[in-house]
Amino acid sequence: MIGYVYVAVTVGLTVLGQLLMKWQMGQVGPLPASAQQKIIFLFFLCFRPAAFSALLCAYLGALSWMAALTRLPVSTAYPCTAMSYVLVMVCGWVLFDEMMSMTKIAGLTMIVVGIWLAARN
């Protein structure tokens, strides 16, 4: 059971990190044109609180994932991480007013059904 808790923490941190990064990128604007400006832009972006927090979520999520793999087979744990796709898309629609079409809803439904089928023993 604890293995599934680790997977849920991994998914939660992944979703949180993606949403924080999306919000932060909306605050800073587009990527500069030149390669040198891109490198500088991305370097300093890492020190903004939301971007740093998103990167921290990725790191902590990786630690949680390692813990999950000590308790569950990867063939059981990995399909569960696909819930992050569903949650990020729904949160993008709710929080950032991103488009949610019937095609996307159908795709998300297929992901959920796929997770359910993969989780069955």
PDB file of N, CA and C in Angstrom:
ATOM      1  N   MET A   1       0.820  -1.199   0.000  1.00  0.00           N
ATOM      2  CA  MET A   1       0.000   0.000   0.000  1.00  0.00           C
ATOM      3  C   MET A   1       0.868   1.270   0.000  1.00  0.00           C
ATOM      4  N   ILE A   2       1.952   1.266   0.750  1.00  0.00           N
ATOM      5  CA  ILE A   2       2.807   2.448   0.832  1.00  0.00           C
ATOM      6  C   ILE A   2       3.415   2.771  -0.533  1.00  0.00           C
ATOM      7  N   GLY A   3       3.626   1.753  -1.360  1.00  0.00           N
ATOM      8  CA  GLY A   3       4.141   1.987  -2.703  1.00  0.00           C
ATOM      9  C   GLY A   3       3.212   2.876  -3.513  1.00  0.00           C
ATOM     10  N   TYR A   4       1.913   2.659  -3.373  1.00  0.00           N
ATOM     11  CA  TYR A   4       0.937   3.482  -4.083  1.00  0.00           C
ATOM     12  C   TYR A   4       0.899   4.900  -3.526  1.00  0.00           C
ATOM     13  N   VAL A   5       1.185   5.046  -2.252  1.00  0.00           N
ATOM     14  CA  VAL A   5       1.282   6.391  -1.661  1.00  0.00           C
ATOM     15  C   VAL A   5       2.451   7.135  -2.290  1.00  0.00           C
ATOM     16  N   TYR A   6       3.576   6.450  -2.444  1.00  0.00           N
ATOM     17  CA  TYR A   6       4.736   7.067  -3.091  1.00  0.00           C
ATOM     18  C   TYR A   6       4.422   7.462  -4.536  1.00  0.00           C
ATOM     19  N   VAL A   7       3.704   6.598  -5.244  1.00  0.00           N
ATOM     20  CA  VAL A   7       3.310   6.921  -6.623  1.00  0.00           C
ATOM     21  C   VAL A   7       2.399   8.147  -6.628  1.00  0.00           C
ATOM     22  N   ALA A   8       1.443   8.200  -5.704  1.00  0.00           N
ATOM     23  CA  ALA A   8       0.532   9.350  -5.633  1.00  0.00           C
ATOM     24  C   ALA A   8       1.295  10.636  -5.322  1.00  0.00           C
ATOM     25  N   VAL A   9       2.274  10.555  -4.442  1.00  0.00           N
ATOM     26  CA  VAL A   9       3.104  11.728  -4.134  1.00  0.00           C
ATOM     27  C   VAL A   9       3.887  12.144  -5.378  1.00  0.00           C
ATOM     28  N   THR A  10       4.420  11.174  -6.109  1.00  0.00           N
ATOM     29  CA  THR A  10       5.144  11.472  -7.346  1.00  0.00           C
ATOM     30  C   THR A  10       4.242  12.195  -8.335  1.00  0.00           C
ATOM     31  N   VAL A  11       3.038  11.687  -8.527  1.00  0.00           N
ATOM     32  CA  VAL A  11       2.089  12.308  -9.452  1.00  0.00           C
ATOM     33  C   VAL A  11       1.725  13.712  -8.970  1.00  0.00           C
ATOM     34  N   GLY A  12       1.442  13.855  -7.680  1.00  0.00           N
ATOM     35  CA  GLY A  12       1.076  15.164  -7.133  1.00  0.00           C
ATOM     36  C   GLY A  12       2.184  16.196  -7.308  1.00  0.00           C
ATOM     37  N   LEU A  13       3.404  15.800  -7.038  1.00  0.00           N
ATOM     38  CA  LEU A  13       4.531  16.725  -7.194  1.00  0.00           C
ATOM     39  C   LEU A  13       4.785  17.058  -8.669  1.00  0.00           C
ATOM     40  N   THR A  14       4.596  16.083  -9.536  1.00  0.00           N
ATOM     41  CA  THR A  14       4.748  16.323 -10.970  1.00  0.00           C
ATOM     42  C   THR A  14       3.735  17.355 -11.450  1.00  0.00           C
ATOM     43  N   VAL A  15       2.489  17.173 -11.054  1.00  0.00           N
ATOM     44  CA  VAL A  15       1.426  18.103 -11.452  1.00  0.00           C
ATOM     45  C   VAL A  15       1.698  19.491 -10.886  1.00  0.00           C
ATOM     46  N   LEU A  16       2.024  19.565  -9.616  1.00  0.00           N
ATOM     47  CA  LEU A  16       2.305  20.860  -8.993  1.00  0.00           C
ATOM     48  C   LEU A  16       3.466  21.560  -9.696  1.00  0.00           C
ATOM     49  N   GLY A  17       4.521  20.828  -9.986  1.00  0.00           N
ATOM     50  CA  GLY A  17       5.674  21.407 -10.663  1.00  0.00           C
ATOM     51  C   GLY A  17       5.322  21.945 -12.044  1.00  0.00           C
ATOM     52  N   GLN A  18       4.535  21.189 -12.790  1.00  0.00           N
ATOM     53  CA  GLN A  18       4.133  21.641 -14.124  1.00  0.00           C
ATOM     54  C   GLN A  18       3.282  22.904 -14.054  1.00  0.00           C
ATOM     55  N   LEU A  19       2.378  22.954 -13.095  1.00  0.00           N
ATOM     56  CA  LEU A  19       1.509  24.128 -12.957  1.00  0.00           C
ATOM     57  C   LEU A  19       2.283  25.351 -12.485  1.00  0.00           C
ATOM     58  N   LEU A  20       3.205  25.150 -11.573  1.00  0.00           N
ATOM     59  CA  LEU A  20       4.051  26.270 -11.132  1.00  0.00           C
ATOM     60  C   LEU A  20       4.893  26.810 -12.284  1.00  0.00           C
ATOM     61  N   MET A  21       5.457  25.909 -13.081  1.00  0.00           N
ATOM     62  CA  MET A  21       6.289  26.347 -14.200  1.00  0.00           C
ATOM     63  C   MET A  21       5.447  27.075 -15.246  1.00  0.00           C
ATOM     64  N   LYS A  22       4.255  26.570 -15.528  1.00  0.00           N
ATOM     65  CA  LYS A  22       3.368  27.239 -16.488  1.00  0.00           C
ATOM     66  C   LYS A  22       3.029  28.648 -15.994  1.00  0.00           C
ATOM     67  N   TRP A  23       2.689  28.772 -14.730  1.00  0.00           N
ATOM     68  CA  TRP A  23       2.356  30.083 -14.167  1.00  0.00           C
ATOM     69  C   TRP A  23       3.564  31.019 -14.265  1.00  0.00           C
ATOM     70  N   GLN A  24       4.742  30.516 -13.898  1.00  0.00           N
ATOM     71  CA  GLN A  24       5.951  31.342 -13.935  1.00  0.00           C
ATOM     72  C   GLN A  24       6.261  31.792 -15.354  1.00  0.00           C
ATOM     73  N   MET A  25       6.147  30.906 -16.312  1.00  0.00           N
ATOM     74  CA  MET A  25       6.453  31.267 -17.692  1.00  0.00           C
ATOM     75  C   MET A  25       5.472  32.308 -18.219  1.00  0.00           C
ATOM     76  N   GLY A  26       4.245  32.277 -17.746  1.00  0.00           N
ATOM     77  CA  GLY A  26       3.283  33.303 -18.111  1.00  0.00           C
ATOM     78  C   GLY A  26       3.655  34.662 -17.548  1.00  0.00           C
ATOM     79  N   GLN A  27       4.437  34.688 -16.485  1.00  0.00           N
ATOM     80  CA  GLN A  27       4.856  35.932 -15.860  1.00  0.00           C
ATOM     81  C   GLN A  27       6.085  36.554 -16.522  1.00  0.00           C
ATOM     82  N   VAL A  28       6.950  35.740 -17.098  1.00  0.00           N
ATOM     83  CA  VAL A  28       8.224  36.259 -17.614  1.00  0.00           C
ATOM     84  C   VAL A  28       8.221  36.537 -19.112  1.00  0.00           C
ATOM     85  N   GLY A  29       7.262  36.030 -19.828  1.00  0.00           N
ATOM     86  CA  GLY A  29       7.198  36.296 -21.256  1.00  0.00           C
ATOM     87  C   GLY A  29       7.965  35.293 -22.087  1.00  0.00           C
ATOM     88  N   PRO A  30       8.086  35.577 -23.392  1.00  0.00           N
ATOM     89  CA  PRO A  30       8.683  34.605 -24.313  1.00  0.00           C
ATOM     90  C   PRO A  30      10.194  34.471 -24.161  1.00  0.00           C
ATOM     91  N   LEU A  31      10.689  33.373 -24.652  1.00  0.00           N
ATOM     92  CA  LEU A  31      12.124  33.086 -24.675  1.00  0.00           C
ATOM     93  C   LEU A  31      12.809  34.056 -25.649  1.00  0.00           C
ATOM     94  N   PRO A  32      13.945  34.619 -25.268  1.00  0.00           N
ATOM     95  CA  PRO A  32      14.667  35.526 -26.180  1.00  0.00           C
ATOM     96  C   PRO A  32      15.105  34.817 -27.465  1.00  0.00           C
ATOM     97  N   ALA A  33      15.479  35.613 -28.443  1.00  0.00           N
ATOM     98  CA  ALA A  33      15.817  35.071 -29.765  1.00  0.00           C
ATOM     99  C   ALA A  33      17.199  34.431 -29.836  1.00  0.00           C
ATOM    100  N   SER A  34      18.221  35.095 -29.320  1.00  0.00           N
ATOM    101  CA  SER A  34      19.587  34.579 -29.492  1.00  0.00           C
ATOM    102  C   SER A  34      19.894  33.461 -28.502  1.00  0.00           C
ATOM    103  N   ALA A  35      20.819  32.597 -28.881  1.00  0.00           N
ATOM    104  CA  ALA A  35      21.209  31.467 -28.028  1.00  0.00           C
ATOM    105  C   ALA A  35      21.790  31.956 -26.707  1.00  0.00           C
ATOM    106  N   GLN A  36      22.636  32.977 -26.752  1.00  0.00           N
ATOM    107  CA  GLN A  36      23.247  33.505 -25.529  1.00  0.00           C
ATOM    108  C   GLN A  36      22.174  34.078 -24.595  1.00  0.00           C
ATOM    109  N   GLN A  37      21.219  34.810 -25.138  1.00  0.00           N
ATOM    110  CA  GLN A  37      20.147  35.380 -24.319  1.00  0.00           C
ATOM    111  C   GLN A  37      19.261  34.281 -23.731  1.00  0.00           C
ATOM    112  N   LYS A  38      19.048  33.214 -24.493  1.00  0.00           N
ATOM    113  CA  LYS A  38      18.255  32.086 -23.992  1.00  0.00           C
ATOM    114  C   LYS A  38      18.919  31.461 -22.775  1.00  0.00           C
ATOM    115  N   ILE A  39      20.218  31.238 -22.860  1.00  0.00           N
ATOM    116  CA  ILE A  39      20.959  30.623 -21.751  1.00  0.00           C
ATOM    117  C   ILE A  39      20.878  31.509 -20.506  1.00  0.00           C
ATOM    118  N   ILE A  40      21.104  32.792 -20.672  1.00  0.00           N
ATOM    119  CA  ILE A  40      21.041  33.726 -19.538  1.00  0.00           C
ATOM    120  C   ILE A  40      19.628  33.777 -18.958  1.00  0.00           C
ATOM    121  N   PHE A  41      18.641  33.873 -19.840  1.00  0.00           N
ATOM    122  CA  PHE A  41      17.232  33.913 -19.433  1.00  0.00           C
ATOM    123  C   PHE A  41      16.875  32.688 -18.597  1.00  0.00           C
ATOM    124  N   LEU A  42      17.211  31.505 -19.111  1.00  0.00           N
ATOM    125  CA  LEU A  42      16.870  30.260 -18.416  1.00  0.00           C
ATOM    126  C   LEU A  42      17.648  30.113 -17.112  1.00  0.00           C
ATOM    127  N   PHE A  43      18.901  30.537 -17.107  1.00  0.00           N
ATOM    128  CA  PHE A  43      19.686  30.465 -15.881  1.00  0.00           C
ATOM    129  C   PHE A  43      19.039  31.301 -14.776  1.00  0.00           C
ATOM    130  N   PHE A  44      18.726  32.553 -15.073  1.00  0.00           N
ATOM    131  CA  PHE A  44      18.141  33.424 -14.055  1.00  0.00           C
ATOM    132  C   PHE A  44      16.709  33.032 -13.712  1.00  0.00           C
ATOM    133  N   LEU A  45      16.032  32.410 -14.652  1.00  0.00           N
ATOM    134  CA  LEU A  45      14.678  31.925 -14.386  1.00  0.00           C
ATOM    135  C   LEU A  45      14.675  30.902 -13.247  1.00  0.00           C
ATOM    136  N   CYS A  46      15.708  30.100 -13.188  1.00  0.00           N
ATOM    137  CA  CYS A  46      15.797  29.058 -12.156  1.00  0.00           C
ATOM    138  C   CYS A  46      15.780  29.618 -10.735  1.00  0.00           C
ATOM    139  N   PHE A  47      16.115  30.890 -10.587  1.00  0.00           N
ATOM    140  CA  PHE A  47      16.179  31.497  -9.257  1.00  0.00           C
ATOM    141  C   PHE A  47      14.915  32.259  -8.886  1.00  0.00           C
ATOM    142  N   ARG A  48      13.938  32.275  -9.776  1.00  0.00           N
ATOM    143  CA  ARG A  48      12.648  32.869  -9.431  1.00  0.00           C
ATOM    144  C   ARG A  48      11.908  31.868  -8.552  1.00  0.00           C
ATOM    145  N   PRO A  49      11.206  32.325  -7.519  1.00  0.00           N
ATOM    146  CA  PRO A  49      10.602  31.391  -6.556  1.00  0.00           C
ATOM    147  C   PRO A  49       9.716  30.303  -7.165  1.00  0.00           C
ATOM    148  N   ALA A  50       8.843  30.653  -8.089  1.00  0.00           N
ATOM    149  CA  ALA A  50       7.948  29.641  -8.648  1.00  0.00           C
ATOM    150  C   ALA A  50       8.702  28.628  -9.498  1.00  0.00           C
ATOM    151  N   ALA A  51       9.654  29.093 -10.295  1.00  0.00           N
ATOM    152  CA  ALA A  51      10.437  28.178 -11.128  1.00  0.00           C
ATOM    153  C   ALA A  51      11.324  27.287 -10.259  1.00  0.00           C
ATOM    154  N   PHE A  52      11.947  27.868  -9.250  1.00  0.00           N
ATOM    155  CA  PHE A  52      12.768  27.076  -8.335  1.00  0.00           C
ATOM    156  C   PHE A  52      11.905  26.030  -7.633  1.00  0.00           C
ATOM    157  N   SER A  53      10.708  26.429  -7.214  1.00  0.00           N
ATOM    158  CA  SER A  53       9.781  25.493  -6.553  1.00  0.00           C
ATOM    159  C   SER A  53       9.373  24.371  -7.504  1.00  0.00           C
ATOM    160  N   ALA A  54       9.164  24.709  -8.776  1.00  0.00           N
ATOM    161  CA  ALA A  54       8.812  23.684  -9.765  1.00  0.00           C
ATOM    162  C   ALA A  54       9.948  22.680  -9.927  1.00  0.00           C
ATOM    163  N   LEU A  55      11.174  23.175  -9.976  1.00  0.00           N
ATOM    164  CA  LEU A  55      12.327  22.280 -10.080  1.00  0.00           C
ATOM    165  C   LEU A  55      12.484  21.431  -8.818  1.00  0.00           C
ATOM    166  N   LEU A  56      12.206  22.021  -7.674  1.00  0.00           N
ATOM    167  CA  LEU A  56      12.248  21.274  -6.425  1.00  0.00           C
ATOM    168  C   LEU A  56      11.188  20.170  -6.424  1.00  0.00           C
ATOM    169  N   CYS A  57      10.011  20.472  -6.950  1.00  0.00           N
ATOM    170  CA  CYS A  57       8.963  19.450  -7.072  1.00  0.00           C
ATOM    171  C   CYS A  57       9.448  18.281  -7.929  1.00  0.00           C
ATOM    172  N   ALA A  58      10.145  18.593  -9.016  1.00  0.00           N
ATOM    173  CA  ALA A  58      10.668  17.537  -9.887  1.00  0.00           C
ATOM    174  C   ALA A  58      11.675  16.663  -9.131  1.00  0.00           C
ATOM    175  N   TYR A  59      12.536  17.301  -8.359  1.00  0.00           N
ATOM    176  CA  TYR A  59      13.540  16.562  -7.593  1.00  0.00           C
ATOM    177  C   TYR A  59      12.877  15.686  -6.524  1.00  0.00           C
ATOM    178  N   LEU A  60      11.959  16.272  -5.767  1.00  0.00           N
ATOM    179  CA  LEU A  60      11.275  15.508  -4.722  1.00  0.00           C
ATOM    180  C   LEU A  60      10.408  14.405  -5.322  1.00  0.00           C
ATOM    181  N   GLY A  61       9.813  14.690  -6.475  1.00  0.00           N
ATOM    182  CA  GLY A  61       9.037  13.663  -7.168  1.00  0.00           C
ATOM    183  C   GLY A  61       9.908  12.489  -7.583  1.00  0.00           C
ATOM    184  N   ALA A  62      11.137  12.785  -8.019  1.00  0.00           N
ATOM    185  CA  ALA A  62      12.069  11.721  -8.392  1.00  0.00           C
ATOM    186  C   ALA A  62      12.444  10.868  -7.174  1.00  0.00           C
ATOM    187  N   LEU A  63      12.635  11.514  -6.029  1.00  0.00           N
ATOM    188  CA  LEU A  63      12.923  10.753  -4.808  1.00  0.00           C
ATOM    189  C   LEU A  63      11.749   9.856  -4.426  1.00  0.00           C
ATOM    190  N   SER A  64      10.537  10.400  -4.531  1.00  0.00           N
ATOM    191  CA  SER A  64       9.348   9.615  -4.231  1.00  0.00           C
ATOM    192  C   SER A  64       9.203   8.453  -5.212  1.00  0.00           C
ATOM    193  N   TRP A  65       9.540   8.704  -6.471  1.00  0.00           N
ATOM    194  CA  TRP A  65       9.478   7.647  -7.484  1.00  0.00           C
ATOM    195  C   TRP A  65      10.462   6.526  -7.152  1.00  0.00           C
ATOM    196  N   MET A  66      11.655   6.892  -6.717  1.00  0.00           N
ATOM    197  CA  MET A  66      12.624   5.864  -6.325  1.00  0.00           C
ATOM    198  C   MET A  66      12.085   5.028  -5.170  1.00  0.00           C
ATOM    199  N   ALA A  67      11.441   5.695  -4.207  1.00  0.00           N
ATOM    200  CA  ALA A  67      10.853   4.965  -3.086  1.00  0.00           C
ATOM    201  C   ALA A  67       9.737   4.040  -3.569  1.00  0.00           C
ATOM    202  N   ALA A  68       8.927   4.526  -4.516  1.00  0.00           N
ATOM    203  CA  ALA A  68       7.837   3.696  -5.050  1.00  0.00           C
ATOM    204  C   ALA A  68       8.388   2.432  -5.699  1.00  0.00           C
ATOM    205  N   LEU A  69       9.496   2.573  -6.411  1.00  0.00           N
ATOM    206  CA  LEU A  69      10.052   1.419  -7.111  1.00  0.00           C
ATOM    207  C   LEU A  69      10.686   0.400  -6.185  1.00  0.00           C
ATOM    208  N   THR A  70      10.921   0.777  -4.924  1.00  0.00           N
ATOM    209  CA  THR A  70      11.389  -0.221  -3.957  1.00  0.00           C
ATOM    210  C   THR A  70      10.232  -1.085  -3.461  1.00  0.00           C
ATOM    211  N   ARG A  71       9.001  -0.634  -3.701  1.00  0.00           N
ATOM    212  CA  ARG A  71       7.816  -1.338  -3.179  1.00  0.00           C
ATOM    213  C   ARG A  71       6.948  -1.978  -4.253  1.00  0.00           C
ATOM    214  N   LEU A  72       7.039  -1.465  -5.491  1.00  0.00           N
ATOM    215  CA  LEU A  72       6.148  -1.934  -6.556  1.00  0.00           C
ATOM    216  C   LEU A  72       6.951  -2.287  -7.799  1.00  0.00           C
ATOM    217  N   PRO A  73       6.443  -3.241  -8.590  1.00  0.00           N
ATOM    218  CA  PRO A  73       7.074  -3.475  -9.895  1.00  0.00           C
ATOM    219  C   PRO A  73       6.858  -2.251 -10.787  1.00  0.00           C
ATOM    220  N   VAL A  74       7.818  -1.958 -11.639  1.00  0.00           N
ATOM    221  CA  VAL A  74       7.690  -0.793 -12.515  1.00  0.00           C
ATOM    222  C   VAL A  74       6.480  -0.944 -13.438  1.00  0.00           C
ATOM    223  N   SER A  75       6.142  -2.179 -13.810  1.00  0.00           N
ATOM    224  CA  SER A  75       4.987  -2.413 -14.680  1.00  0.00           C
ATOM    225  C   SER A  75       3.662  -2.102 -13.987  1.00  0.00           C
ATOM    226  N   THR A  76       3.671  -2.042 -12.669  1.00  0.00           N
ATOM    227  CA  THR A  76       2.493  -1.651 -11.905  1.00  0.00           C
ATOM    228  C   THR A  76       2.511  -0.160 -11.611  1.00  0.00           C
ATOM    229  N   ALA A  77       3.654   0.355 -11.216  1.00  0.00           N
ATOM    230  CA  ALA A  77       3.754   1.756 -10.794  1.00  0.00           C
ATOM    231  C   ALA A  77       3.679   2.735 -11.959  1.00  0.00           C
ATOM    232  N   TYR A  78       4.374   2.437 -13.058  1.00  0.00           N
ATOM    233  CA  TYR A  78       4.506   3.424 -14.121  1.00  0.00           C
ATOM    234  C   TYR A  78       3.189   3.819 -14.786  1.00  0.00           C
ATOM    235  N   PRO A  79       2.299   2.885 -15.075  1.00  0.00           N
ATOM    236  CA  PRO A  79       1.035   3.308 -15.681  1.00  0.00           C
ATOM    237  C   PRO A  79       0.267   4.319 -14.820  1.00  0.00           C
ATOM    238  N   CYS A  80       0.408   4.236 -13.518  1.00  0.00           N
ATOM    239  CA  CYS A  80      -0.285   5.176 -12.625  1.00  0.00           C
ATOM    240  C   CYS A  80       0.197   6.609 -12.817  1.00  0.00           C
ATOM    241  N   THR A  81       1.444   6.769 -13.265  1.00  0.00           N
ATOM    242  CA  THR A  81       1.965   8.128 -13.450  1.00  0.00           C
ATOM    243  C   THR A  81       1.272   8.845 -14.607  1.00  0.00           C
ATOM    244  N   ALA A  82       0.586   8.113 -15.464  1.00  0.00           N
ATOM    245  CA  ALA A  82      -0.146   8.750 -16.568  1.00  0.00           C
ATOM    246  C   ALA A  82      -1.284   9.629 -16.057  1.00  0.00           C
ATOM    247  N   MET A  83      -1.667   9.458 -14.813  1.00  0.00           N
ATOM    248  CA  MET A  83      -2.687  10.354 -14.241  1.00  0.00           C
ATOM    249  C   MET A  83      -2.191  11.789 -14.224  1.00  0.00           C
ATOM    250  N   SER A  84      -0.880  11.983 -14.244  1.00  0.00           N
ATOM    251  CA  SER A  84      -0.361  13.350 -14.268  1.00  0.00           C
ATOM    252  C   SER A  84      -0.805  14.073 -15.541  1.00  0.00           C
ATOM    253  N   TYR A  85      -0.888  13.356 -16.667  1.00  0.00           N
ATOM    254  CA  TYR A  85      -1.374  13.976 -17.908  1.00  0.00           C
ATOM    255  C   TYR A  85      -2.797  14.482 -17.736  1.00  0.00           C
ATOM    256  N   VAL A  86      -3.621  13.642 -17.155  1.00  0.00           N
ATOM    257  CA  VAL A  86      -5.028  13.987 -16.956  1.00  0.00           C
ATOM    258  C   VAL A  86      -5.138  15.185 -16.029  1.00  0.00           C
ATOM    259  N   LEU A  87      -4.457  15.125 -14.902  1.00  0.00           N
ATOM    260  CA  LEU A  87      -4.562  16.200 -13.913  1.00  0.00           C
ATOM    261  C   LEU A  87      -4.002  17.524 -14.427  1.00  0.00           C
ATOM    262  N   VAL A  88      -2.880  17.475 -15.145  1.00  0.00           N
ATOM    263  CA  VAL A  88      -2.304  18.718 -15.680  1.00  0.00           C
ATOM    264  C   VAL A  88      -3.240  19.339 -16.707  1.00  0.00           C
ATOM    265  N   MET A  89      -3.826  18.532 -17.569  1.00  0.00           N
ATOM    266  CA  MET A  89      -4.733  19.087 -18.581  1.00  0.00           C
ATOM    267  C   MET A  89      -5.990  19.675 -17.952  1.00  0.00           C
ATOM    268  N   VAL A  90      -6.550  18.989 -16.968  1.00  0.00           N
ATOM    269  CA  VAL A  90      -7.749  19.517 -16.302  1.00  0.00           C
ATOM    270  C   VAL A  90      -7.401  20.792 -15.533  1.00  0.00           C
ATOM    271  N   CYS A  91      -6.292  20.797 -14.833  1.00  0.00           N
ATOM    272  CA  CYS A  91      -5.872  22.000 -14.100  1.00  0.00           C
ATOM    273  C   CYS A  91      -5.540  23.141 -15.058  1.00  0.00           C
ATOM    274  N   GLY A  92      -4.965  22.847 -16.207  1.00  0.00           N
ATOM    275  CA  GLY A  92      -4.691  23.876 -17.208  1.00  0.00           C
ATOM    276  C   GLY A  92      -5.980  24.517 -17.693  1.00  0.00           C
ATOM    277  N   TRP A  93      -6.998  23.718 -17.853  1.00  0.00           N
ATOM    278  CA  TRP A  93      -8.312  24.219 -18.268  1.00  0.00           C
ATOM    279  C   TRP A  93      -8.924  25.090 -17.172  1.00  0.00           C
ATOM    280  N   VAL A  94      -8.876  24.608 -15.921  1.00  0.00           N
ATOM    281  CA  VAL A  94      -9.497  25.324 -14.805  1.00  0.00           C
ATOM    282  C   VAL A  94      -8.699  26.564 -14.406  1.00  0.00           C
ATOM    283  N   LEU A  95      -7.384  26.433 -14.274  1.00  0.00           N
ATOM    284  CA  LEU A  95      -6.563  27.522 -13.743  1.00  0.00           C
ATOM    285  C   LEU A  95      -6.074  28.524 -14.789  1.00  0.00           C
ATOM    286  N   PHE A  96      -5.828  28.040 -16.016  1.00  0.00           N
ATOM    287  CA  PHE A  96      -5.231  28.901 -17.029  1.00  0.00           C
ATOM    288  C   PHE A  96      -6.145  29.145 -18.227  1.00  0.00           C
ATOM    289  N   ASP A  97      -7.388  28.682 -18.110  1.00  0.00           N
ATOM    290  CA  ASP A  97      -8.388  28.893 -19.153  1.00  0.00           C
ATOM    291  C   ASP A  97      -7.924  28.323 -20.498  1.00  0.00           C
ATOM    292  N   GLU A  98      -7.231  27.197 -20.449  1.00  0.00           N
ATOM    293  CA  GLU A  98      -6.797  26.543 -21.679  1.00  0.00           C
ATOM    294  C   GLU A  98      -7.975  25.784 -22.282  1.00  0.00           C
ATOM    295  N   MET A  99      -7.923  25.607 -23.583  1.00  0.00           N
ATOM    296  CA  MET A  99      -9.027  24.967 -24.289  1.00  0.00           C
ATOM    297  C   MET A  99      -9.155  23.484 -23.905  1.00  0.00           C
ATOM    298  N   MET A 100     -10.406  23.045 -23.711  1.00  0.00           N
ATOM    299  CA  MET A 100     -10.684  21.640 -23.448  1.00  0.00           C
ATOM    300  C   MET A 100     -11.748  21.196 -24.455  1.00  0.00           C
ATOM    301  N   SER A 101     -11.289  20.556 -25.520  1.00  0.00           N
ATOM    302  CA  SER A 101     -12.194  20.120 -26.586  1.00  0.00           C
ATOM    303  C   SER A 101     -12.715  18.712 -26.301  1.00  0.00           C
ATOM    304  N   MET A 102     -13.699  18.317 -27.070  1.00  0.00           N
ATOM    305  CA  MET A 102     -14.216  16.952 -26.945  1.00  0.00           C
ATOM    306  C   MET A 102     -13.139  15.927 -27.306  1.00  0.00           C
ATOM    307  N   THR A 103     -12.268  16.279 -28.245  1.00  0.00           N
ATOM    308  CA  THR A 103     -11.175  15.383 -28.610  1.00  0.00           C
ATOM    309  C   THR A 103     -10.234  15.175 -27.429  1.00  0.00           C
ATOM    310  N   LYS A 104      -9.919  16.258 -26.720  1.00  0.00           N
ATOM    311  CA  LYS A 104      -9.051  16.131 -25.538  1.00  0.00           C
ATOM    312  C   LYS A 104      -9.738  15.336 -24.443  1.00  0.00           C
ATOM    313  N   ILE A 105     -11.030  15.572 -24.248  1.00  0.00           N
ATOM    314  CA  ILE A 105     -11.779  14.817 -23.232  1.00  0.00           C
ATOM    315  C   ILE A 105     -11.773  13.333 -23.582  1.00  0.00           C
ATOM    316  N   ALA A 106     -11.958  13.013 -24.861  1.00  0.00           N
ATOM    317  CA  ALA A 106     -11.917  11.611 -25.293  1.00  0.00           C
ATOM    318  C   ALA A 106     -10.536  11.011 -25.026  1.00  0.00           C
ATOM    319  N   GLY A 107      -9.482  11.774 -25.331  1.00  0.00           N
ATOM    320  CA  GLY A 107      -8.126  11.290 -25.078  1.00  0.00           C
ATOM    321  C   GLY A 107      -7.866  11.052 -23.603  1.00  0.00           C
ATOM    322  N   LEU A 108      -8.323  11.994 -22.770  1.00  0.00           N
ATOM    323  CA  LEU A 108      -8.146  11.835 -21.318  1.00  0.00           C
ATOM    324  C   LEU A 108      -8.919  10.616 -20.816  1.00  0.00           C
ATOM    325  N   THR A 109     -10.094  10.411 -21.358  1.00  0.00           N
ATOM    326  CA  THR A 109     -10.890   9.237 -20.973  1.00  0.00           C
ATOM    327  C   THR A 109     -10.155   7.957 -21.328  1.00  0.00           C
ATOM    328  N   MET A 110      -9.542   7.926 -22.508  1.00  0.00           N
ATOM    329  CA  MET A 110      -8.773   6.742 -22.909  1.00  0.00           C
ATOM    330  C   MET A 110      -7.591   6.513 -21.974  1.00  0.00           C
ATOM    331  N   ILE A 111      -6.951   7.586 -21.548  1.00  0.00           N
ATOM    332  CA  ILE A 111      -5.826   7.445 -20.607  1.00  0.00           C
ATOM    333  C   ILE A 111      -6.310   6.821 -19.307  1.00  0.00           C
ATOM    334  N   VAL A 112      -7.416   7.319 -18.780  1.00  0.00           N
ATOM    335  CA  VAL A 112      -7.949   6.795 -17.514  1.00  0.00           C
ATOM    336  C   VAL A 112      -8.332   5.325 -17.672  1.00  0.00           C
ATOM    337  N   VAL A 113      -8.988   4.982 -18.773  1.00  0.00           N
ATOM    338  CA  VAL A 113      -9.345   3.583 -19.015  1.00  0.00           C
ATOM    339  C   VAL A 113      -8.073   2.738 -19.146  1.00  0.00           C
ATOM    340  N   GLY A 114      -7.072   3.255 -19.820  1.00  0.00           N
ATOM    341  CA  GLY A 114      -5.805   2.538 -19.956  1.00  0.00           C
ATOM    342  C   GLY A 114      -5.127   2.298 -18.617  1.00  0.00           C
ATOM    343  N   ILE A 115      -5.162   3.305 -17.755  1.00  0.00           N
ATOM    344  CA  ILE A 115      -4.592   3.150 -16.410  1.00  0.00           C
ATOM    345  C   ILE A 115      -5.350   2.053 -15.658  1.00  0.00           C
ATOM    346  N   TRP A 116      -6.656   2.092 -15.741  1.00  0.00           N
ATOM    347  CA  TRP A 116      -7.493   1.105 -15.047  1.00  0.00           C
ATOM    348  C   TRP A 116      -7.177  -0.311 -15.575  1.00  0.00           C
ATOM    349  N   LEU A 117      -7.070  -0.445 -16.899  1.00  0.00           N
ATOM    350  CA  LEU A 117      -6.768  -1.768 -17.478  1.00  0.00           C
ATOM    351  C   LEU A 117      -5.371  -2.238 -17.070  1.00  0.00           C
ATOM    352  N   ALA A 118      -4.401  -1.338 -17.094  1.00  0.00           N
ATOM    353  CA  ALA A 118      -3.029  -1.715 -16.736  1.00  0.00           C
ATOM    354  C   ALA A 118      -2.901  -2.079 -15.262  1.00  0.00           C
ATOM    355  N   ALA A 119      -3.723  -1.452 -14.422  1.00  0.00           N
ATOM    356  CA  ALA A 119      -3.638  -1.698 -12.985  1.00  0.00           C
ATOM    357  C   ALA A 119      -4.300  -3.025 -12.583  1.00  0.00           C
ATOM    358  N   ARG A 120      -5.127  -3.549 -13.454  1.00  0.00           N
ATOM    359  CA  ARG A 120      -5.784  -4.824 -13.121  1.00  0.00           C
ATOM    360  C   ARG A 120      -4.778  -5.965 -13.205  1.00  0.00           C
ATOM    361  N   ASN A 121      -4.863  -6.882 -12.289  1.00  0.00           N
ATOM    362  CA  ASN A 121      -3.929  -8.017 -12.273  1.00  0.00           C
ATOM    363  C   ASN A 121      -4.516  -9.212 -12.953  1.00  0.00           C
TER     364      ASN A 121
END
